[in-house]
Amino acid sequence: MKIITKTSHWWLTMLMAFFAIVMILPFVWMFSTSFKTPAQVFEYPVRWLPSQWIWDHHIKVWTGPKSFGTYYLNSLKVSLISTVGATLLSAFAAYGFSRIEFNGRNALFVVYLSMMMVPPQVLFVPKFLMFDSWGIYNTHWALILPGMFTIFGVFMMRQFFLSIPNEISESAFIDGAGHIRIFFRLIMPLAKPALATLAIIDFSWHWNDYENALVFLIDESLYTVPLGLQNFILENNVDYNGMMAAASAGIVPMLLVFIIGERFIVQGITNSAVKG
């Protein structure tokens, strides 16, 4: 039995390693292409390592009138503000759905979750009309304000709060603490793994958001990184080398966020699934 178990684990490890390599290969090609000449982009068989490393494409991305520095700052502004707001608002709403008893609480939560079935594309026209009437169309607030509300975030935080024993809150109530004090002094410190997980996932969503930025932003000075990649689509051809250089730079924040918060992702998702 031990031999069979070890063999099955070995084959499972090899299978997972195979899929991991398959998923990483496109990123390797992207990074390699950013250092190639245009003639080497579609060579067959694929040249994984360029014969000569060319840095001109990376330099072009960060210099000139359409520098990616502006797009980076715009993406950081939108992603950070939206993530902070979404994390706090989700925690507030989740606390109400999980720790405060009121009539129709579960029914209201089910209705709230049902909104996840509405495709985001259906809301583009209503949001366009609303943002235009508010005067925030073609501003970053058209991305930030809707980004502060996430149904998934409320669901995830509620599931985590349900895993926290009610005795903690009850003992705090006996000592005279109210909901606000319990939320900030007891629940929030215990929910650090879930908060970190939600922040990382939400940051990823906003950093990679293309559709909302395409619909609600007009001025190029407001463009985010996904929209900035359009600059490499020229009239008669596509600058694949420059696009791959910009894309390579664009995934750096995501890699840093994942490396920093990897252990929080695993711990937070595991804990949030304890109760349903």
Protein backbone atom coordinates (compact mmCIF):
# COMPACT_ATOMS: atom_id res chain seq x y z
CA MET A 1 0.00 0.00 0.00
CA LYS A 2 2.84 2.38 0.80
CA ILE A 3 4.42 1.71 -2.58
CA ILE A 4 1.11 2.30 -4.35
CA THR A 5 0.56 5.52 -2.40
CA LYS A 6 4.04 6.83 -3.19
CA THR A 7 3.62 5.92 -6.87
CA SER A 8 0.28 7.69 -7.11
CA HIS A 9 1.73 10.76 -5.40
CA TRP A 10 4.66 10.72 -7.82
CA TRP A 11 2.39 10.55 -10.86
CA LEU A 12 0.15 13.28 -9.45
CA THR A 13 3.19 15.48 -8.88
CA MET A 14 4.38 14.89 -12.43
CA LEU A 15 0.93 15.67 -13.80
CA MET A 16 0.71 18.93 -11.85
CA ALA A 17 4.23 19.85 -12.95
CA PHE A 18 3.23 19.25 -16.59
CA PHE A 19 0.21 21.55 -16.32
CA ALA A 20 2.31 24.16 -14.50
CA ILE A 21 4.86 24.16 -17.33
CA VAL A 22 2.09 24.43 -19.93
CA MET A 23 0.66 27.47 -18.13
CA ILE A 24 4.06 29.14 -17.73
CA LEU A 25 5.18 28.70 -21.35
CA PRO A 26 3.11 31.66 -22.71
CA PHE A 27 4.73 33.96 -20.15
CA VAL A 28 8.17 32.66 -21.12
CA TRP A 29 7.39 33.37 -24.77
CA MET A 30 6.12 36.84 -23.87
CA PHE A 31 9.26 37.71 -21.92
CA SER A 32 11.53 36.26 -24.60
CA THR A 33 9.72 38.10 -27.39
CA SER A 34 10.25 41.42 -25.65
CA PHE A 35 14.00 41.02 -26.26
CA LYS A 36 13.79 39.76 -29.86
CA THR A 37 13.91 41.55 -33.20
CA PRO A 38 10.60 41.82 -35.13
CA ALA A 39 11.83 39.19 -37.59
CA GLN A 40 12.29 36.64 -34.79
CA VAL A 41 8.79 36.93 -33.34
CA PHE A 42 7.14 34.22 -35.45
CA GLU A 43 10.12 32.06 -36.22
CA TYR A 44 9.39 28.34 -36.41
CA PRO A 45 10.51 26.35 -34.58
CA VAL A 46 10.11 28.79 -31.72
CA ARG A 47 13.30 30.40 -30.52
CA TRP A 48 12.83 30.50 -26.74
CA LEU A 49 16.03 32.46 -26.15
CA PRO A 50 16.85 35.30 -28.55
CA SER A 51 20.18 35.11 -30.30
CA GLN A 52 20.80 38.72 -29.31
CA TRP A 53 19.15 40.42 -26.34
CA ILE A 54 17.70 43.78 -27.42
CA TRP A 55 16.67 46.25 -24.72
CA ASP A 56 15.30 48.89 -27.10
CA HIS A 57 11.70 47.71 -26.72
CA HIS A 58 11.79 48.00 -22.92
CA ILE A 59 13.40 51.43 -23.13
CA LYS A 60 10.73 52.57 -25.60
CA VAL A 61 7.97 51.49 -23.21
CA TRP A 62 9.19 53.82 -20.45
CA THR A 63 10.29 56.78 -22.58
CA GLY A 64 8.66 59.02 -25.14
CA PRO A 65 5.30 60.84 -25.22
CA LYS A 66 3.31 57.65 -24.51
CA SER A 67 5.35 56.43 -21.59
CA PHE A 68 3.86 53.55 -19.62
CA GLY A 69 4.72 55.40 -16.41
CA THR A 70 1.47 57.38 -16.71
CA TYR A 71 -0.58 54.24 -17.30
CA TYR A 72 1.13 52.56 -14.35
CA LEU A 73 0.27 55.43 -12.01
CA ASN A 74 -3.33 55.48 -13.24
CA SER A 75 -3.70 51.73 -12.70
CA LEU A 76 -2.16 51.95 -9.24
CA LYS A 77 -4.49 54.81 -8.30
CA VAL A 78 -7.62 53.01 -9.47
CA SER A 79 -6.60 49.59 -8.14
CA LEU A 80 -5.43 50.71 -4.70
CA ILE A 81 -8.37 53.01 -3.92
CA SER A 82 -10.90 50.48 -5.23
CA THR A 83 -9.28 47.63 -3.31
CA VAL A 84 -9.18 49.49 -0.01
CA GLY A 85 -12.79 50.62 -0.39
CA ALA A 86 -14.03 47.20 -1.51
CA THR A 87 -12.26 45.44 1.37
CA LEU A 88 -13.70 47.72 4.04
CA LEU A 89 -17.23 47.88 2.60
CA SER A 90 -17.32 44.12 2.08
CA ALA A 91 -16.25 43.57 5.68
CA PHE A 92 -18.95 45.96 6.95
CA ALA A 93 -21.69 44.29 4.91
CA ALA A 94 -20.47 40.79 5.78
CA TYR A 95 -20.53 41.63 9.48
CA GLY A 96 -24.17 42.67 9.19
CA PHE A 97 -25.13 39.50 7.30
CA SER A 98 -23.27 37.20 9.69
CA ARG A 99 -23.34 38.73 13.19
CA ILE A 100 -26.45 40.92 13.39
CA GLU A 101 -29.85 39.25 13.63
CA PHE A 102 -32.74 40.92 11.75
CA ASN A 103 -35.87 39.73 9.96
CA GLY A 104 -35.28 38.56 6.41
CA ARG A 105 -31.50 38.53 6.75
CA ASN A 106 -30.93 35.26 4.90
CA ALA A 107 -33.52 36.07 2.23
CA LEU A 108 -31.91 39.45 1.62
CA PHE A 109 -28.51 37.81 1.34
CA VAL A 110 -29.81 35.33 -1.24
CA VAL A 111 -31.27 38.20 -3.28
CA TYR A 112 -27.95 40.01 -2.99
CA LEU A 113 -26.05 36.94 -4.20
CA SER A 114 -28.45 36.53 -7.11
CA MET A 115 -27.08 39.76 -8.55
CA MET A 116 -23.96 37.80 -9.48
CA MET A 117 -26.01 36.22 -12.28
CA VAL A 118 -26.36 39.60 -14.02
CA PRO A 119 -23.61 39.95 -16.67
CA PRO A 120 -21.54 43.11 -16.11
CA GLN A 121 -21.91 44.02 -19.79
CA VAL A 122 -25.66 44.48 -19.30
CA LEU A 123 -24.97 47.37 -16.91
CA PHE A 124 -22.70 49.38 -19.22
CA VAL A 125 -25.49 51.54 -20.66
CA PRO A 126 -27.21 52.31 -17.30
CA LYS A 127 -23.84 53.09 -15.72
CA PHE A 128 -22.88 55.29 -18.67
CA LEU A 129 -26.07 57.34 -18.31
CA MET A 130 -25.69 57.56 -14.54
CA PHE A 131 -22.01 58.56 -14.62
CA ASP A 132 -22.69 61.12 -17.33
CA SER A 133 -25.45 62.72 -15.24
CA TRP A 134 -23.15 62.77 -12.18
CA GLY A 135 -20.32 64.35 -14.15
CA ILE A 136 -17.83 61.56 -13.46
CA TYR A 137 -17.79 60.02 -16.93
CA ASN A 138 -14.27 60.06 -18.37
CA THR A 139 -12.76 60.22 -14.88
CA HIS A 140 -11.17 57.57 -12.71
CA TRP A 141 -14.13 57.76 -10.34
CA ALA A 142 -16.19 55.94 -12.97
CA LEU A 143 -13.93 52.95 -12.30
CA ILE A 144 -13.30 53.45 -8.59
CA LEU A 145 -16.83 53.88 -7.26
CA PRO A 146 -18.34 50.71 -8.82
CA GLY A 147 -15.15 48.86 -7.93
CA MET A 148 -15.74 49.49 -4.24
CA PHE A 149 -18.75 47.17 -4.27
CA THR A 150 -18.14 43.48 -4.81
CA ILE A 151 -20.70 40.73 -4.25
CA PHE A 152 -18.00 38.09 -4.14
CA GLY A 153 -16.16 40.06 -1.44
CA VAL A 154 -19.25 40.22 0.79
CA PHE A 155 -19.89 36.49 0.29
CA MET A 156 -16.28 35.58 1.07
CA MET A 157 -16.06 37.75 4.20
CA ARG A 158 -19.43 36.52 5.45
CA GLN A 159 -18.30 32.92 5.16
CA PHE A 160 -15.18 33.74 7.15
CA PHE A 161 -17.09 35.64 9.84
CA LEU A 162 -19.42 32.66 10.26
CA SER A 163 -16.39 30.54 11.16
CA ILE A 164 -15.60 32.84 14.12
CA PRO A 165 -17.30 31.54 17.29
CA ASN A 166 -20.28 33.61 18.45
CA GLU A 167 -19.03 33.31 22.04
CA ILE A 168 -16.39 35.94 21.25
CA SER A 169 -19.02 38.53 20.35
CA GLU A 170 -21.32 37.51 23.17
CA SER A 171 -18.61 37.92 25.80
CA ALA A 172 -17.78 41.36 24.36
CA PHE A 173 -21.47 42.35 24.56
CA ILE A 174 -21.53 41.30 28.20
CA ASP A 175 -18.56 43.58 28.84
CA GLY A 176 -20.48 46.48 27.31
CA ALA A 177 -18.96 46.65 23.81
CA GLY A 178 -21.11 47.65 20.84
CA HIS A 179 -21.07 46.42 17.28
CA ILE A 180 -18.59 49.06 16.10
CA ARG A 181 -16.08 48.24 18.81
CA ILE A 182 -16.51 44.49 18.34
CA PHE A 183 -16.06 44.86 14.59
CA PHE A 184 -12.82 46.84 14.77
CA ARG A 185 -11.29 45.43 17.96
CA LEU A 186 -12.23 41.73 17.71
CA ILE A 187 -13.52 40.64 14.30
CA MET A 188 -11.18 42.58 12.03
CA PRO A 189 -7.95 41.35 13.69
CA LEU A 190 -9.19 37.76 13.44
CA ALA A 191 -10.14 38.28 9.79
CA LYS A 192 -6.69 39.35 8.59
CA PRO A 193 -6.21 36.26 6.36
CA ALA A 194 -9.57 36.76 4.65
CA LEU A 195 -9.02 40.52 4.30
CA ALA A 196 -5.61 39.98 2.74
CA THR A 197 -6.99 37.36 0.38
CA LEU A 198 -9.85 39.60 -0.73
CA ALA A 199 -7.48 42.54 -1.20
CA ILE A 200 -5.15 40.49 -3.41
CA ILE A 201 -7.97 39.09 -5.54
CA ASP A 202 -9.69 42.46 -5.84
CA PHE A 203 -6.43 44.20 -6.77
CA SER A 204 -5.95 41.63 -9.53
CA TRP A 205 -9.42 42.31 -10.90
CA HIS A 206 -8.95 46.06 -11.05
CA TRP A 207 -5.39 45.91 -12.37
CA ASN A 208 -6.51 43.73 -15.30
CA ASP A 209 -9.85 45.46 -15.92
CA TYR A 210 -10.11 46.31 -19.60
CA GLU A 211 -13.81 46.59 -20.45
CA ASN A 212 -14.78 49.24 -17.90
CA ALA A 213 -11.75 51.36 -18.73
CA LEU A 214 -12.51 51.06 -22.44
CA VAL A 215 -16.12 52.18 -21.98
CA PHE A 216 -15.74 54.93 -19.37
CA LEU A 217 -12.38 56.52 -20.24
CA ILE A 218 -11.74 58.70 -23.31
CA ASP A 219 -8.69 60.86 -22.56
CA GLU A 220 -5.46 58.99 -23.14
CA SER A 221 -3.94 60.65 -20.09
CA LEU A 222 -6.42 58.64 -17.98
CA TYR A 223 -5.67 55.28 -19.58
CA THR A 224 -4.75 52.32 -17.43
CA VAL A 225 -2.22 49.62 -18.32
CA PRO A 226 -4.66 47.35 -20.25
CA LEU A 227 -5.75 50.29 -22.40
CA GLY A 228 -2.17 51.46 -22.84
CA LEU A 229 -1.33 48.21 -24.61
CA GLN A 230 -3.51 49.40 -27.50
CA ASN A 231 -0.80 51.88 -28.45
CA PHE A 232 1.19 49.01 -29.92
CA ILE A 233 -1.57 48.16 -32.41
CA LEU A 234 -0.51 50.30 -35.36
CA GLU A 235 -2.42 51.13 -38.53
CA ASN A 236 -0.87 48.45 -40.71
CA ASN A 237 0.77 46.07 -38.25
CA VAL A 238 1.24 45.24 -34.59
CA ASP A 239 4.38 46.02 -32.62
CA TYR A 240 4.53 42.63 -30.90
CA ASN A 241 7.95 43.28 -29.38
CA GLY A 242 6.84 46.50 -27.73
CA MET A 243 3.54 44.97 -26.62
CA MET A 244 5.31 42.02 -25.02
CA ALA A 245 7.77 44.38 -23.28
CA ALA A 246 4.86 46.41 -21.89
CA ALA A 247 2.96 43.27 -20.89
CA SER A 248 6.05 41.92 -19.12
CA ALA A 249 6.24 45.13 -17.11
CA GLY A 250 2.50 44.97 -16.46
CA ILE A 251 2.61 41.63 -14.66
CA VAL A 252 5.31 42.73 -12.21
CA PRO A 253 2.82 44.20 -9.66
CA MET A 254 0.75 41.03 -9.86
CA LEU A 255 3.80 38.87 -9.20
CA LEU A 256 4.81 41.03 -6.23
CA VAL A 257 1.29 40.92 -4.78
CA PHE A 258 1.13 37.13 -5.15
CA ILE A 259 4.59 36.57 -3.66
CA ILE A 260 3.79 38.77 -0.66
CA GLY A 261 0.32 37.37 -0.01
CA GLU A 262 0.55 33.75 -1.15
CA ARG A 263 0.17 32.31 2.34
CA PHE A 264 -2.79 34.59 3.04
CA ILE A 265 -4.57 33.39 -0.12
CA VAL A 266 -4.38 29.75 0.89
CA GLN A 267 -5.26 30.35 4.54
CA GLY A 268 -8.07 32.80 3.77
CA ILE A 269 -9.82 30.69 1.14
CA THR A 270 -9.55 27.57 3.33
CA ASN A 271 -11.02 29.32 6.37
CA SER A 272 -13.82 30.97 4.35
CA ALA A 273 -15.03 27.54 3.24
CA VAL A 274 -15.44 26.18 6.77
CA LYS A 275 -19.10 27.19 7.03
CA GLY A 276 -21.74 27.67 4.38
